[in-house]
Amino acid sequence: MDKLASLKEILEQDPKNAFARYGLAMEMAARGETEAALENFARLLGDHPDYTAGYFMAAQTLAKAGRGAEAKQRLVEGMESARRTGNQHALGEMQAMLDEM
């Protein structure tokens, strides 16, 4: 079974599995399936608002798709999550990306 099928199977059994949802979003992004990736990032963040990496990767996916304003919004949301969870590394990475935009 390939990675994509494995992740989908996990999510069929446990739709709120954060690790599998993040993995599926990343796999979709890597395959160039931007909308599917963004839908999965949105679902991940809806279920797990402090899954900080999801904001950063969603922002990168949006930026790559030329959707800068949406990417900036995800970065701002992600920075709030990073502050809530004390994730200074992620906060710094997202601030740097926002500064570059």
PDB file of N, CA and C in Angstrom:
ATOM      1  N   MET A   1       0.841  -1.174   0.000  1.00  0.00           N
ATOM      2  CA  MET A   1       0.000   0.000   0.000  1.00  0.00           C
ATOM      3  C   MET A   1       0.893   1.247   0.000  1.00  0.00           C
ATOM      4  N   ASP A   2       0.560   2.214  -0.832  1.00  0.00           N
ATOM      5  CA  ASP A   2       1.397   3.416  -0.872  1.00  0.00           C
ATOM      6  C   ASP A   2       1.049   4.363   0.276  1.00  0.00           C
ATOM      7  N   LYS A   3       1.874   5.360   0.437  1.00  0.00           N
ATOM      8  CA  LYS A   3       1.756   6.310   1.533  1.00  0.00           C
ATOM      9  C   LYS A   3       0.386   6.986   1.557  1.00  0.00           C
ATOM     10  N   LEU A   4      -0.060   7.456   0.410  1.00  0.00           N
ATOM     11  CA  LEU A   4      -1.338   8.150   0.314  1.00  0.00           C
ATOM     12  C   LEU A   4      -2.490   7.242   0.751  1.00  0.00           C
ATOM     13  N   ALA A   5      -2.507   6.022   0.265  1.00  0.00           N
ATOM     14  CA  ALA A   5      -3.558   5.072   0.631  1.00  0.00           C
ATOM     15  C   ALA A   5      -3.509   4.762   2.124  1.00  0.00           C
ATOM     16  N   SER A   6      -2.319   4.624   2.671  1.00  0.00           N
ATOM     17  CA  SER A   6      -2.176   4.336   4.101  1.00  0.00           C
ATOM     18  C   SER A   6      -2.742   5.474   4.946  1.00  0.00           C
ATOM     19  N   LEU A   7      -2.419   6.705   4.571  1.00  0.00           N
ATOM     20  CA  LEU A   7      -2.912   7.862   5.316  1.00  0.00           C
ATOM     21  C   LEU A   7      -4.436   7.964   5.238  1.00  0.00           C
ATOM     22  N   LYS A   8      -4.969   7.719   4.043  1.00  0.00           N
ATOM     23  CA  LYS A   8      -6.427   7.774   3.882  1.00  0.00           C
ATOM     24  C   LYS A   8      -7.111   6.691   4.715  1.00  0.00           C
ATOM     25  N   GLU A   9      -6.502   5.521   4.776  1.00  0.00           N
ATOM     26  CA  GLU A   9      -7.075   4.432   5.563  1.00  0.00           C
ATOM     27  C   GLU A   9      -7.097   4.795   7.049  1.00  0.00           C
ATOM     28  N   ILE A  10      -6.020   5.375   7.528  1.00  0.00           N
ATOM     29  CA  ILE A  10      -5.973   5.807   8.927  1.00  0.00           C
ATOM     30  C   ILE A  10      -7.076   6.828   9.198  1.00  0.00           C
ATOM     31  N   LEU A  11      -7.242   7.769   8.270  1.00  0.00           N
ATOM     32  CA  LEU A  11      -8.239   8.820   8.463  1.00  0.00           C
ATOM     33  C   LEU A  11      -9.669   8.307   8.344  1.00  0.00           C
ATOM     34  N   GLU A  12      -9.876   7.239   7.614  1.00  0.00           N
ATOM     35  CA  GLU A  12     -11.206   6.624   7.568  1.00  0.00           C
ATOM     36  C   GLU A  12     -11.573   6.091   8.947  1.00  0.00           C
ATOM     37  N   GLN A  13     -10.591   5.543   9.635  1.00  0.00           N
ATOM     38  CA  GLN A  13     -10.830   4.973  10.958  1.00  0.00           C
ATOM     39  C   GLN A  13     -10.836   6.041  12.054  1.00  0.00           C
ATOM     40  N   ASP A  14     -10.045   7.081  11.847  1.00  0.00           N
ATOM     41  CA  ASP A  14      -9.907   8.145  12.853  1.00  0.00           C
ATOM     42  C   ASP A  14      -9.754   9.490  12.137  1.00  0.00           C
ATOM     43  N   PRO A  15     -10.887  10.095  11.728  1.00  0.00           N
ATOM     44  CA  PRO A  15     -10.841  11.336  10.933  1.00  0.00           C
ATOM     45  C   PRO A  15     -10.121  12.500  11.609  1.00  0.00           C
ATOM     46  N   LYS A  16      -9.967  12.461  12.917  1.00  0.00           N
ATOM     47  CA  LYS A  16      -9.308  13.565  13.620  1.00  0.00           C
ATOM     48  C   LYS A  16      -7.860  13.257  13.990  1.00  0.00           C
ATOM     49  N   ASN A  17      -7.278  12.240  13.379  1.00  0.00           N
ATOM     50  CA  ASN A  17      -5.883  11.885  13.637  1.00  0.00           C
ATOM     51  C   ASN A  17      -5.000  12.986  13.047  1.00  0.00           C
ATOM     52  N   ALA A  18      -4.422  13.793  13.920  1.00  0.00           N
ATOM     53  CA  ALA A  18      -3.657  14.965  13.490  1.00  0.00           C
ATOM     54  C   ALA A  18      -2.439  14.586  12.646  1.00  0.00           C
ATOM     55  N   PHE A  19      -1.708  13.580  13.078  1.00  0.00           N
ATOM     56  CA  PHE A  19      -0.499  13.189  12.355  1.00  0.00           C
ATOM     57  C   PHE A  19      -0.833  12.723  10.937  1.00  0.00           C
ATOM     58  N   ALA A  20      -1.866  11.912  10.802  1.00  0.00           N
ATOM     59  CA  ALA A  20      -2.256  11.416   9.480  1.00  0.00           C
ATOM     60  C   ALA A  20      -2.819  12.537   8.613  1.00  0.00           C
ATOM     61  N   ARG A  21      -3.599  13.449   9.203  1.00  0.00           N
ATOM     62  CA  ARG A  21      -4.159  14.569   8.431  1.00  0.00           C
ATOM     63  C   ARG A  21      -3.049  15.480   7.924  1.00  0.00           C
ATOM     64  N   TYR A  22      -2.076  15.756   8.778  1.00  0.00           N
ATOM     65  CA  TYR A  22      -0.921  16.568   8.379  1.00  0.00           C
ATOM     66  C   TYR A  22      -0.136  15.853   7.273  1.00  0.00           C
ATOM     67  N   GLY A  23       0.084  14.570   7.455  1.00  0.00           N
ATOM     68  CA  GLY A  23       0.809  13.794   6.443  1.00  0.00           C
ATOM     69  C   GLY A  23       0.094  13.794   5.107  1.00  0.00           C
ATOM     70  N   LEU A  24      -1.231  13.660   5.132  1.00  0.00           N
ATOM     71  CA  LEU A  24      -2.006  13.683   3.895  1.00  0.00           C
ATOM     72  C   LEU A  24      -1.901  15.048   3.225  1.00  0.00           C
ATOM     73  N   ALA A  25      -2.015  16.107   3.993  1.00  0.00           N
ATOM     74  CA  ALA A  25      -1.888  17.453   3.432  1.00  0.00           C
ATOM     75  C   ALA A  25      -0.510  17.655   2.805  1.00  0.00           C
ATOM     76  N   MET A  26       0.523  17.196   3.497  1.00  0.00           N
ATOM     77  CA  MET A  26       1.887  17.335   2.971  1.00  0.00           C
ATOM     78  C   MET A  26       2.071  16.521   1.692  1.00  0.00           C
ATOM     79  N   GLU A  27       1.522  15.318   1.670  1.00  0.00           N
ATOM     80  CA  GLU A  27       1.630  14.457   0.492  1.00  0.00           C
ATOM     81  C   GLU A  27       0.915  15.098  -0.695  1.00  0.00           C
ATOM     82  N   MET A  28      -0.259  15.650  -0.454  1.00  0.00           N
ATOM     83  CA  MET A  28      -1.005  16.319  -1.525  1.00  0.00           C
ATOM     84  C   MET A  28      -0.220  17.537  -2.042  1.00  0.00           C
ATOM     85  N   ALA A  29       0.354  18.298  -1.135  1.00  0.00           N
ATOM     86  CA  ALA A  29       1.150  19.458  -1.537  1.00  0.00           C
ATOM     87  C   ALA A  29       2.346  19.021  -2.381  1.00  0.00           C
ATOM     88  N   ALA A  30       3.006  17.951  -1.961  1.00  0.00           N
ATOM     89  CA  ALA A  30       4.168  17.447  -2.702  1.00  0.00           C
ATOM     90  C   ALA A  30       3.786  16.974  -4.097  1.00  0.00           C
ATOM     91  N   ARG A  31       2.572  16.490  -4.248  1.00  0.00           N
ATOM     92  CA  ARG A  31       2.089  16.023  -5.544  1.00  0.00           C
ATOM     93  C   ARG A  31       1.536  17.155  -6.404  1.00  0.00           C
ATOM     94  N   GLY A  32       1.538  18.375  -5.868  1.00  0.00           N
ATOM     95  CA  GLY A  32       1.030  19.519  -6.615  1.00  0.00           C
ATOM     96  C   GLY A  32      -0.487  19.637  -6.580  1.00  0.00           C
ATOM     97  N   GLU A  33      -1.127  18.908  -5.678  1.00  0.00           N
ATOM     98  CA  GLU A  33      -2.582  18.964  -5.531  1.00  0.00           C
ATOM     99  C   GLU A  33      -2.909  20.015  -4.471  1.00  0.00           C
ATOM    100  N   THR A  34      -2.732  21.280  -4.876  1.00  0.00           N
ATOM    101  CA  THR A  34      -2.807  22.406  -3.946  1.00  0.00           C
ATOM    102  C   THR A  34      -4.133  22.495  -3.214  1.00  0.00           C
ATOM    103  N   GLU A  35      -5.236  22.433  -3.937  1.00  0.00           N
ATOM    104  CA  GLU A  35      -6.539  22.591  -3.280  1.00  0.00           C
ATOM    105  C   GLU A  35      -6.800  21.463  -2.284  1.00  0.00           C
ATOM    106  N   ALA A  36      -6.480  20.250  -2.659  1.00  0.00           N
ATOM    107  CA  ALA A  36      -6.660  19.124  -1.737  1.00  0.00           C
ATOM    108  C   ALA A  36      -5.767  19.295  -0.514  1.00  0.00           C
ATOM    109  N   ALA A  37      -4.542  19.752  -0.727  1.00  0.00           N
ATOM    110  CA  ALA A  37      -3.636  19.986   0.392  1.00  0.00           C
ATOM    111  C   ALA A  37      -4.211  21.043   1.327  1.00  0.00           C
ATOM    112  N   LEU A  38      -4.678  22.145   0.760  1.00  0.00           N
ATOM    113  CA  LEU A  38      -5.210  23.230   1.576  1.00  0.00           C
ATOM    114  C   LEU A  38      -6.472  22.814   2.321  1.00  0.00           C
ATOM    115  N   GLU A  39      -7.299  21.998   1.693  1.00  0.00           N
ATOM    116  CA  GLU A  39      -8.493  21.487   2.383  1.00  0.00           C
ATOM    117  C   GLU A  39      -8.096  20.651   3.592  1.00  0.00           C
ATOM    118  N   ASN A  40      -7.062  19.842   3.422  1.00  0.00           N
ATOM    119  CA  ASN A  40      -6.612  19.000   4.533  1.00  0.00           C
ATOM    120  C   ASN A  40      -5.927  19.815   5.619  1.00  0.00           C
ATOM    121  N   PHE A  41      -5.161  20.836   5.236  1.00  0.00           N
ATOM    122  CA  PHE A  41      -4.587  21.723   6.255  1.00  0.00           C
ATOM    123  C   PHE A  41      -5.700  22.430   7.022  1.00  0.00           C
ATOM    124  N   ALA A  42      -6.720  22.902   6.319  1.00  0.00           N
ATOM    125  CA  ALA A  42      -7.837  23.594   6.976  1.00  0.00           C
ATOM    126  C   ALA A  42      -8.557  22.663   7.946  1.00  0.00           C
ATOM    127  N   ARG A  43      -8.772  21.439   7.532  1.00  0.00           N
ATOM    128  CA  ARG A  43      -9.442  20.471   8.414  1.00  0.00           C
ATOM    129  C   ARG A  43      -8.580  20.166   9.638  1.00  0.00           C
ATOM    130  N   LEU A  44      -7.274  19.995   9.407  1.00  0.00           N
ATOM    131  CA  LEU A  44      -6.338  19.764  10.503  1.00  0.00           C
ATOM    132  C   LEU A  44      -6.417  20.897  11.521  1.00  0.00           C
ATOM    133  N   LEU A  45      -6.341  22.121  11.033  1.00  0.00           N
ATOM    134  CA  LEU A  45      -6.304  23.266  11.933  1.00  0.00           C
ATOM    135  C   LEU A  45      -7.655  23.525  12.589  1.00  0.00           C
ATOM    136  N   GLY A  46      -8.729  23.138  11.921  1.00  0.00           N
ATOM    137  CA  GLY A  46     -10.047  23.227  12.540  1.00  0.00           C
ATOM    138  C   GLY A  46     -10.181  22.276  13.711  1.00  0.00           C
ATOM    139  N   ASP A  47      -9.637  21.078  13.550  1.00  0.00           N
ATOM    140  CA  ASP A  47      -9.701  20.069  14.606  1.00  0.00           C
ATOM    141  C   ASP A  47      -8.626  20.264  15.667  1.00  0.00           C
ATOM    142  N   HIS A  48      -7.480  20.803  15.257  1.00  0.00           N
ATOM    143  CA  HIS A  48      -6.315  20.939  16.148  1.00  0.00           C
ATOM    144  C   HIS A  48      -5.696  22.327  15.959  1.00  0.00           C
ATOM    145  N   PRO A  49      -6.314  23.365  16.536  1.00  0.00           N
ATOM    146  CA  PRO A  49      -5.861  24.738  16.290  1.00  0.00           C
ATOM    147  C   PRO A  49      -4.448  25.045  16.777  1.00  0.00           C
ATOM    148  N   ASP A  50      -3.862  24.180  17.567  1.00  0.00           N
ATOM    149  CA  ASP A  50      -2.487  24.409  17.999  1.00  0.00           C
ATOM    150  C   ASP A  50      -1.493  23.448  17.361  1.00  0.00           C
ATOM    151  N   TYR A  51      -1.850  22.898  16.197  1.00  0.00           N
ATOM    152  CA  TYR A  51      -0.897  22.098  15.418  1.00  0.00           C
ATOM    153  C   TYR A  51      -0.106  23.096  14.572  1.00  0.00           C
ATOM    154  N   THR A  52       0.837  23.739  15.210  1.00  0.00           N
ATOM    155  CA  THR A  52       1.522  24.909  14.664  1.00  0.00           C
ATOM    156  C   THR A  52       2.154  24.674  13.301  1.00  0.00           C
ATOM    157  N   ALA A  53       2.749  23.535  13.096  1.00  0.00           N
ATOM    158  CA  ALA A  53       3.396  23.254  11.804  1.00  0.00           C
ATOM    159  C   ALA A  53       2.401  23.317  10.652  1.00  0.00           C
ATOM    160  N   GLY A  54       1.152  23.012  10.922  1.00  0.00           N
ATOM    161  CA  GLY A  54       0.131  23.061   9.877  1.00  0.00           C
ATOM    162  C   GLY A  54      -0.045  24.446   9.294  1.00  0.00           C
ATOM    163  N   TYR A  55       0.043  25.470  10.136  1.00  0.00           N
ATOM    164  CA  TYR A  55      -0.086  26.845   9.647  1.00  0.00           C
ATOM    165  C   TYR A  55       1.083  27.199   8.724  1.00  0.00           C
ATOM    166  N   PHE A  56       2.269  26.832   9.169  1.00  0.00           N
ATOM    167  CA  PHE A  56       3.468  27.172   8.395  1.00  0.00           C
ATOM    168  C   PHE A  56       3.457  26.484   7.032  1.00  0.00           C
ATOM    169  N   MET A  57       3.131  25.206   7.023  1.00  0.00           N
ATOM    170  CA  MET A  57       3.127  24.480   5.756  1.00  0.00           C
ATOM    171  C   MET A  57       1.967  24.919   4.863  1.00  0.00           C
ATOM    172  N   ALA A  58       0.825  25.261   5.455  1.00  0.00           N
ATOM    173  CA  ALA A  58      -0.287  25.798   4.668  1.00  0.00           C
ATOM    174  C   ALA A  58       0.133  27.127   4.042  1.00  0.00           C
ATOM    175  N   ALA A  59       0.815  27.957   4.811  1.00  0.00           N
ATOM    176  CA  ALA A  59       1.290  29.245   4.291  1.00  0.00           C
ATOM    177  C   ALA A  59       2.277  29.038   3.148  1.00  0.00           C
ATOM    178  N   GLN A  60       3.170  28.088   3.296  1.00  0.00           N
ATOM    179  CA  GLN A  60       4.123  27.809   2.216  1.00  0.00           C
ATOM    180  C   GLN A  60       3.396  27.321   0.968  1.00  0.00           C
ATOM    181  N   THR A  61       2.395  26.480   1.150  1.00  0.00           N
ATOM    182  CA  THR A  61       1.616  25.978   0.015  1.00  0.00           C
ATOM    183  C   THR A  61       0.884  27.123  -0.670  1.00  0.00           C
ATOM    184  N   LEU A  62       0.288  28.003   0.108  1.00  0.00           N
ATOM    185  CA  LEU A  62      -0.409  29.166  -0.454  1.00  0.00           C
ATOM    186  C   LEU A  62       0.560  30.091  -1.187  1.00  0.00           C
ATOM    187  N   ALA A  63       1.700  30.353  -0.592  1.00  0.00           N
ATOM    188  CA  ALA A  63       2.688  31.236  -1.222  1.00  0.00           C
ATOM    189  C   ALA A  63       3.159  30.649  -2.547  1.00  0.00           C
ATOM    190  N   LYS A  64       3.406  29.367  -2.567  1.00  0.00           N
ATOM    191  CA  LYS A  64       3.847  28.692  -3.797  1.00  0.00           C
ATOM    192  C   LYS A  64       2.781  28.797  -4.882  1.00  0.00           C
ATOM    193  N   ALA A  65       1.512  28.847  -4.473  1.00  0.00           N
ATOM    194  CA  ALA A  65       0.404  28.957  -5.423  1.00  0.00           C
ATOM    195  C   ALA A  65       0.123  30.409  -5.814  1.00  0.00           C
ATOM    196  N   GLY A  66       0.938  31.343  -5.323  1.00  0.00           N
ATOM    197  CA  GLY A  66       0.754  32.750  -5.665  1.00  0.00           C
ATOM    198  C   GLY A  66      -0.363  33.423  -4.890  1.00  0.00           C
ATOM    199  N   ARG A  67      -0.720  32.866  -3.759  1.00  0.00           N
ATOM    200  CA  ARG A  67      -1.818  33.389  -2.944  1.00  0.00           C
ATOM    201  C   ARG A  67      -1.237  34.031  -1.676  1.00  0.00           C
ATOM    202  N   GLY A  68      -0.499  35.118  -1.916  1.00  0.00           N
ATOM    203  CA  GLY A  68       0.257  35.773  -0.847  1.00  0.00           C
ATOM    204  C   GLY A  68      -0.570  36.291   0.313  1.00  0.00           C
ATOM    205  N   ALA A  69      -1.700  36.911   0.032  1.00  0.00           N
ATOM    206  CA  ALA A  69      -2.516  37.462   1.118  1.00  0.00           C
ATOM    207  C   ALA A  69      -3.013  36.350   2.045  1.00  0.00           C
ATOM    208  N   GLU A  70      -3.433  35.241   1.458  1.00  0.00           N
ATOM    209  CA  GLU A  70      -3.893  34.110   2.272  1.00  0.00           C
ATOM    210  C   GLU A  70      -2.730  33.503   3.053  1.00  0.00           C
ATOM    211  N   ALA A  71      -1.563  33.452   2.414  1.00  0.00           N
ATOM    212  CA  ALA A  71      -0.380  32.917   3.090  1.00  0.00           C
ATOM    213  C   ALA A  71      -0.040  33.770   4.307  1.00  0.00           C
ATOM    214  N   LYS A  72      -0.101  35.078   4.151  1.00  0.00           N
ATOM    215  CA  LYS A  72       0.199  35.982   5.274  1.00  0.00           C
ATOM    216  C   LYS A  72      -0.789  35.762   6.414  1.00  0.00           C
ATOM    217  N   GLN A  73      -2.059  35.570   6.084  1.00  0.00           N
ATOM    218  CA  GLN A  73      -3.061  35.334   7.125  1.00  0.00           C
ATOM    219  C   GLN A  73      -2.766  34.041   7.880  1.00  0.00           C
ATOM    220  N   ARG A  74      -2.391  32.995   7.165  1.00  0.00           N
ATOM    221  CA  ARG A  74      -2.052  31.729   7.828  1.00  0.00           C
ATOM    222  C   ARG A  74      -0.825  31.902   8.716  1.00  0.00           C
ATOM    223  N   LEU A  75       0.136  32.701   8.273  1.00  0.00           N
ATOM    224  CA  LEU A  75       1.327  32.940   9.087  1.00  0.00           C
ATOM    225  C   LEU A  75       0.959  33.663  10.380  1.00  0.00           C
ATOM    226  N   VAL A  76       0.109  34.667  10.283  1.00  0.00           N
ATOM    227  CA  VAL A  76      -0.322  35.399  11.476  1.00  0.00           C
ATOM    228  C   VAL A  76      -1.024  34.444  12.446  1.00  0.00           C
ATOM    229  N   GLU A  77      -1.916  33.601  11.913  1.00  0.00           N
ATOM    230  CA  GLU A  77      -2.605  32.614  12.749  1.00  0.00           C
ATOM    231  C   GLU A  77      -1.607  31.637  13.365  1.00  0.00           C
ATOM    232  N   GLY A  78      -0.642  31.216  12.566  1.00  0.00           N
ATOM    233  CA  GLY A  78       0.369  30.282  13.041  1.00  0.00           C
ATOM    234  C   GLY A  78       1.252  30.880  14.121  1.00  0.00           C
ATOM    235  N   MET A  79       1.549  32.159  13.977  1.00  0.00           N
ATOM    236  CA  MET A  79       2.365  32.822  14.993  1.00  0.00           C
ATOM    237  C   MET A  79       1.598  32.910  16.313  1.00  0.00           C
ATOM    238  N   GLU A  80       0.289  33.113  16.239  1.00  0.00           N
ATOM    239  CA  GLU A  80      -0.529  33.111  17.453  1.00  0.00           C
ATOM    240  C   GLU A  80      -0.489  31.727  18.106  1.00  0.00           C
ATOM    241  N   SER A  81      -0.589  30.684  17.295  1.00  0.00           N
ATOM    242  CA  SER A  81      -0.510  29.314  17.806  1.00  0.00           C
ATOM    243  C   SER A  81       0.855  29.062  18.444  1.00  0.00           C
ATOM    244  N   ALA A  82       1.912  29.509  17.779  1.00  0.00           N
ATOM    245  CA  ALA A  82       3.265  29.309  18.305  1.00  0.00           C
ATOM    246  C   ALA A  82       3.434  30.009  19.652  1.00  0.00           C
ATOM    247  N   ARG A  83       2.862  31.185  19.765  1.00  0.00           N
ATOM    248  CA  ARG A  83       2.936  31.898  21.049  1.00  0.00           C
ATOM    249  C   ARG A  83       2.170  31.135  22.136  1.00  0.00           C
ATOM    250  N   ARG A  84       0.973  30.659  21.788  1.00  0.00           N
ATOM    251  CA  ARG A  84       0.162  29.918  22.770  1.00  0.00           C
ATOM    252  C   ARG A  84       0.878  28.669  23.272  1.00  0.00           C
ATOM    253  N   THR A  85       1.603  28.011  22.366  1.00  0.00           N
ATOM    254  CA  THR A  85       2.244  26.746  22.720  1.00  0.00           C
ATOM    255  C   THR A  85       3.706  26.909  23.135  1.00  0.00           C
ATOM    256  N   GLY A  86       4.217  28.137  23.078  1.00  0.00           N
ATOM    257  CA  GLY A  86       5.603  28.390  23.461  1.00  0.00           C
ATOM    258  C   GLY A  86       6.619  27.866  22.465  1.00  0.00           C
ATOM    259  N   ASN A  87       6.223  27.752  21.205  1.00  0.00           N
ATOM    260  CA  ASN A  87       7.112  27.220  20.169  1.00  0.00           C
ATOM    261  C   ASN A  87       7.872  28.378  19.513  1.00  0.00           C
ATOM    262  N   GLN A  88       8.984  28.753  20.135  1.00  0.00           N
ATOM    263  CA  GLN A  88       9.765  29.900  19.668  1.00  0.00           C
ATOM    264  C   GLN A  88      10.420  29.644  18.310  1.00  0.00           C
ATOM    265  N   HIS A  89      10.813  28.416  18.057  1.00  0.00           N
ATOM    266  CA  HIS A  89      11.431  28.086  16.771  1.00  0.00           C
ATOM    267  C   HIS A  89      10.451  28.333  15.621  1.00  0.00           C
ATOM    268  N   ALA A  90       9.242  27.798  15.752  1.00  0.00           N
ATOM    269  CA  ALA A  90       8.230  27.993  14.714  1.00  0.00           C
ATOM    270  C   ALA A  90       7.865  29.463  14.582  1.00  0.00           C
ATOM    271  N   LEU A  91       7.771  30.148  15.702  1.00  0.00           N
ATOM    272  CA  LEU A  91       7.460  31.572  15.686  1.00  0.00           C
ATOM    273  C   LEU A  91       8.499  32.325  14.866  1.00  0.00           C
ATOM    274  N   GLY A  92       9.759  32.017  15.087  1.00  0.00           N
ATOM    275  CA  GLY A  92      10.838  32.671  14.344  1.00  0.00           C
ATOM    276  C   GLY A  92      10.793  32.361  12.860  1.00  0.00           C
ATOM    277  N   GLU A  93      10.525  31.104  12.520  1.00  0.00           N
ATOM    278  CA  GLU A  93      10.452  30.726  11.103  1.00  0.00           C
ATOM    279  C   GLU A  93       9.304  31.439  10.398  1.00  0.00           C
ATOM    280  N   MET A  94       8.160  31.503  11.056  1.00  0.00           N
ATOM    281  CA  MET A  94       7.006  32.140  10.434  1.00  0.00           C
ATOM    282  C   MET A  94       7.199  33.651  10.337  1.00  0.00           C
ATOM    283  N   GLN A  95       7.805  34.246  11.348  1.00  0.00           N
ATOM    284  CA  GLN A  95       8.086  35.684  11.293  1.00  0.00           C
ATOM    285  C   GLN A  95       9.047  35.980  10.150  1.00  0.00           C
ATOM    286  N   ALA A  96      10.060  35.146   9.972  1.00  0.00           N
ATOM    287  CA  ALA A  96      11.014  35.341   8.881  1.00  0.00           C
ATOM    288  C   ALA A  96      10.325  35.249   7.522  1.00  0.00           C
ATOM    289  N   MET A  97       9.432  34.275   7.357  1.00  0.00           N
ATOM    290  CA  MET A  97       8.721  34.146   6.092  1.00  0.00           C
ATOM    291  C   MET A  97       7.815  35.353   5.863  1.00  0.00           C
ATOM    292  N   LEU A  98       7.132  35.788   6.909  1.00  0.00           N
ATOM    293  CA  LEU A  98       6.259  36.954   6.791  1.00  0.00           C
ATOM    294  C   LEU A  98       7.076  38.192   6.431  1.00  0.00           C
ATOM    295  N   ASP A  99       8.224  38.356   7.037  1.00  0.00           N
ATOM    296  CA  ASP A  99       9.093  39.501   6.735  1.00  0.00           C
ATOM    297  C   ASP A  99       9.558  39.484   5.268  1.00  0.00           C
ATOM    298  N   GLU A 100       9.804  38.291   4.731  1.00  0.00           N
ATOM    299  CA  GLU A 100      10.253  38.164   3.336  1.00  0.00           C
ATOM    300  C   GLU A 100       9.150  38.462   2.337  1.00  0.00           C
ATOM    301  N   MET A 101       7.901  38.314   2.781  1.00  0.00           N
ATOM    302  CA  MET A 101       6.777  38.535   1.886  1.00  0.00           C
ATOM    303  C   MET A 101       6.512  40.025   1.828  1.00  0.00           C
TER     304      MET A 101
END
